[in-house]
């Protein structure tokens, strides 16, 4: 995951007001505690967004219609998600360490009914994969890092039980046999 460029973000105080960059993988800056309304709305570039533990809220339609958005990890610090946060993000898989939907999240937070993987609390990145792990040593494969890969090697994951695979995980792996 690339280190973020501060020029890619419009930040007011601790609120990310707008993402103006063009990266596929976006790391939210550490000073951000809130993702503002429409902050990533209509973005055609982002595919993956990585939060840190200080983020506490996501605004209305913050990621709406980000058509190529595939993967987001929501930390336990996230206590508020407002209406239609992921509206129209039809490729998105949501991973969170929350065991279930907190009452403080809007009933319409995931109005597009994107798949949500609950209770996964450790996110890992290695040369081949990005994956999440829960307390029962179950692993969920989130993303293939090397798009030129021809075959999969799960050697690094041998001690875990494979629980699932994100729906867009292999999307760009054109050489996979």
Protein backbone atom coordinates (compact mmCIF):
# COMPACT_ATOMS: atom_id res chain seq x y z
CA UNK A 1 0.00 0.00 0.00
CA UNK A 2 1.44 3.34 -1.02
CA UNK A 3 2.02 6.14 1.47
CA UNK A 4 -0.50 8.88 0.83
CA UNK A 5 0.24 12.21 -0.81
CA UNK A 6 -1.17 15.06 1.34
CA UNK A 7 -2.03 16.99 -1.84
CA UNK A 8 -4.61 14.29 -2.68
CA UNK A 9 -6.86 15.33 0.22
CA UNK A 10 -8.87 18.38 1.22
CA UNK A 11 -8.89 18.27 5.03
CA UNK A 12 -10.53 20.78 7.36
CA UNK A 13 -9.57 20.19 10.99
CA UNK A 14 -9.96 16.42 11.41
CA UNK A 15 -12.53 16.01 8.62
CA UNK A 16 -11.60 14.72 5.17
CA UNK A 17 -13.79 16.91 2.96
CA UNK A 18 -12.75 15.61 -0.45
CA UNK A 19 -10.35 13.16 -2.06
CA UNK A 20 -8.92 14.72 -5.25
CA UNK A 21 -6.21 12.15 -6.02
CA UNK A 22 -6.22 9.43 -8.65
CA UNK A 23 -4.70 6.46 -6.82
CA UNK A 24 -6.37 3.03 -6.76
CA UNK A 25 -5.19 2.31 -3.20
CA UNK A 26 -5.94 5.11 -0.75
CA UNK A 27 -4.58 5.35 2.78
CA UNK A 28 -6.59 7.74 4.94
CA UNK A 29 -4.21 10.23 6.64
CA UNK A 30 -3.71 9.66 10.37
CA UNK A 31 -5.02 13.11 11.33
CA UNK A 32 -8.45 12.32 9.83
CA UNK A 33 -11.18 11.32 12.28
CA UNK A 34 -14.18 11.89 10.04
CA UNK A 35 -14.89 11.18 6.38
CA UNK A 36 -17.13 14.03 5.25
CA UNK A 37 -20.32 13.88 3.19
CA UNK A 38 -19.57 13.04 -0.47
CA UNK A 39 -15.78 12.94 0.19
CA UNK A 40 -15.15 10.16 -2.38
CA UNK A 41 -18.46 10.40 -4.21
CA UNK A 42 -18.33 9.79 -7.98
CA UNK A 43 -14.64 8.87 -7.85
CA UNK A 44 -13.72 6.52 -10.70
CA UNK A 45 -10.17 5.74 -9.56
CA UNK A 46 -10.31 4.29 -6.04
CA UNK A 47 -10.46 0.54 -5.59
CA UNK A 48 -9.30 0.05 -2.00
CA UNK A 49 -9.43 2.32 1.04
CA UNK A 50 -7.44 1.71 4.21
CA UNK A 51 -8.56 3.32 7.48
CA UNK A 52 -6.59 3.68 10.68
CA UNK A 53 -8.01 3.25 14.17
CA UNK A 54 -8.72 6.97 14.77
CA UNK A 55 -11.51 7.25 12.16
CA UNK A 56 -14.85 7.48 13.97
CA UNK A 57 -17.42 8.46 11.34
CA UNK A 58 -18.33 8.31 7.66
CA UNK A 59 -20.65 10.99 6.25
CA UNK A 60 -23.69 10.80 4.00
CA UNK A 61 -22.94 9.33 0.57
CA UNK A 62 -19.21 9.56 1.35
CA UNK A 63 -18.33 6.88 -1.22
CA UNK A 64 -21.52 6.93 -3.30
CA UNK A 65 -21.16 5.93 -6.93
CA UNK A 66 -17.43 5.21 -6.68
CA UNK A 67 -17.93 2.61 -9.39
CA UNK A 68 -14.57 0.82 -9.16
CA UNK A 69 -14.48 0.69 -5.36
CA UNK A 70 -13.77 -2.94 -4.38
CA UNK A 71 -12.53 -3.21 -0.81
CA UNK A 72 -12.73 -1.28 2.44
CA UNK A 73 -11.69 -2.23 5.94
CA UNK A 74 -13.75 -0.55 8.70
CA UNK A 75 -11.98 -0.45 12.08
CA UNK A 76 -13.71 -0.90 15.42
CA UNK A 77 -13.18 2.82 16.14
CA UNK A 78 -15.81 3.58 13.49
CA UNK A 79 -18.95 4.36 15.48
CA UNK A 80 -21.06 6.29 12.96
CA UNK A 81 -21.83 5.55 9.32
CA UNK A 82 -24.44 7.85 7.84
CA UNK A 83 -27.01 7.33 5.08
CA UNK A 84 -26.08 5.80 1.73
CA UNK A 85 -22.34 5.82 2.49
CA UNK A 86 -21.68 3.15 -0.16
CA UNK A 87 -24.64 3.72 -2.51
CA UNK A 88 -23.92 2.44 -6.02
CA UNK A 89 -20.59 0.79 -5.15
CA UNK A 90 -21.62 -2.46 -6.78
CA UNK A 91 -18.19 -4.15 -6.70
CA UNK A 92 -17.51 -3.38 -3.03
CA UNK A 93 -16.79 -5.87 -0.26
CA UNK A 94 -16.78 -4.43 3.28
CA UNK A 95 -14.55 -5.97 5.94
CA UNK A 96 -14.89 -4.96 9.58
CA UNK A 97 -13.82 -6.12 12.98
CA UNK A 98 -17.26 -5.24 14.37
CA UNK A 99 -19.07 -8.53 15.14
CA UNK A 100 -22.34 -7.06 13.77
CA UNK A 101 -23.87 -3.71 12.77
CA UNK A 102 -23.62 -1.16 15.59
CA UNK A 103 -26.91 0.57 16.46
CA UNK A 104 -25.24 3.94 15.84
CA UNK A 105 -24.81 3.15 12.12
CA UNK A 106 -27.65 4.38 9.90
CA UNK A 107 -30.14 1.71 8.81
CA UNK A 108 -29.27 2.84 5.26
CA UNK A 109 -25.48 2.77 5.62
CA UNK A 110 -25.17 -0.15 3.17
CA UNK A 111 -28.23 0.48 1.01
CA UNK A 112 -26.66 -1.30 -1.98
CA UNK A 113 -26.46 -4.46 0.13
CA UNK A 114 -22.75 -5.01 -0.47
CA UNK A 115 -21.30 -8.13 1.15
CA UNK A 116 -20.05 -7.47 4.68
CA UNK A 117 -17.50 -9.67 6.40
CA UNK A 118 -18.07 -9.25 10.14
CA UNK A 119 -15.64 -9.96 12.97
CA UNK A 120 -12.32 -9.94 11.10
CA UNK A 121 -9.89 -7.92 13.13
CA UNK A 122 -6.41 -8.27 11.64
CA UNK A 123 -5.52 -7.09 8.17
CA UNK A 124 -2.37 -8.47 6.51
CA UNK A 125 -0.53 -7.64 3.31
CA UNK A 126 2.21 -9.83 1.87
CA UNK A 127 3.77 -10.05 -1.61
CA UNK A 128 0.98 -12.21 -2.99
CA UNK A 129 -2.20 -11.50 -0.98
CA UNK A 130 -4.11 -9.11 1.17
CA UNK A 131 -6.20 -10.97 3.72
CA UNK A 132 -8.00 -10.60 7.02
CA UNK A 133 -7.95 -12.91 10.00
CA UNK A 134 -10.42 -13.39 12.84
CA UNK A 135 -9.86 -14.65 16.39
CA UNK A 136 -10.71 -18.24 15.33
CA UNK A 137 -7.78 -18.26 12.85
CA UNK A 138 -10.16 -18.13 9.91
CA UNK A 139 -8.84 -16.17 6.94
CA UNK A 140 -10.73 -14.28 4.27
CA UNK A 141 -8.79 -13.59 1.07
CA UNK A 142 -9.35 -9.95 0.15
CA UNK A 143 -7.10 -9.14 -2.79
CA UNK A 144 -4.38 -10.53 -5.05
CA UNK A 145 -1.45 -8.07 -5.09
CA UNK A 146 0.43 -9.53 -8.05
CA UNK A 147 -1.93 -9.31 -11.05
CA UNK A 148 0.56 -11.20 -13.25
CA UNK A 149 0.34 -14.27 -11.02
CA UNK A 150 -0.09 -17.58 -12.85
CA UNK A 151 -0.85 -19.88 -9.93
CA UNK A 152 -1.72 -19.46 -6.28
CA UNK A 153 0.58 -20.42 -3.44
CA UNK A 154 -1.18 -20.61 -0.08
CA UNK A 155 1.98 -21.66 1.82
CA UNK A 156 1.91 -18.51 3.96
CA UNK A 157 -1.69 -19.23 4.93
CA UNK A 158 -1.32 -22.93 5.77
CA UNK A 159 -1.99 -22.50 9.51
CA UNK A 160 -5.37 -20.83 8.88
CA UNK A 161 -8.75 -22.06 7.71
CA UNK A 162 -9.82 -20.31 4.47
CA UNK A 163 -13.27 -18.91 5.24
CA UNK A 164 -13.97 -17.00 2.03
CA UNK A 165 -12.80 -14.93 -0.93
CA UNK A 166 -13.90 -11.38 -1.88
CA UNK A 167 -15.92 -11.28 -5.07
CA UNK A 168 -13.45 -9.05 -6.97
CA UNK A 169 -10.32 -10.74 -5.62
CA UNK A 170 -9.22 -12.30 -8.93
CA UNK A 171 -10.75 -9.73 -11.27
CA UNK A 172 -7.49 -8.52 -12.84
CA UNK A 173 -5.53 -11.78 -12.72
CA UNK A 174 -5.42 -12.45 -16.43
CA UNK A 175 -2.65 -15.08 -16.25
CA UNK A 176 -4.18 -17.20 -13.51
CA UNK A 177 -4.62 -20.82 -14.62
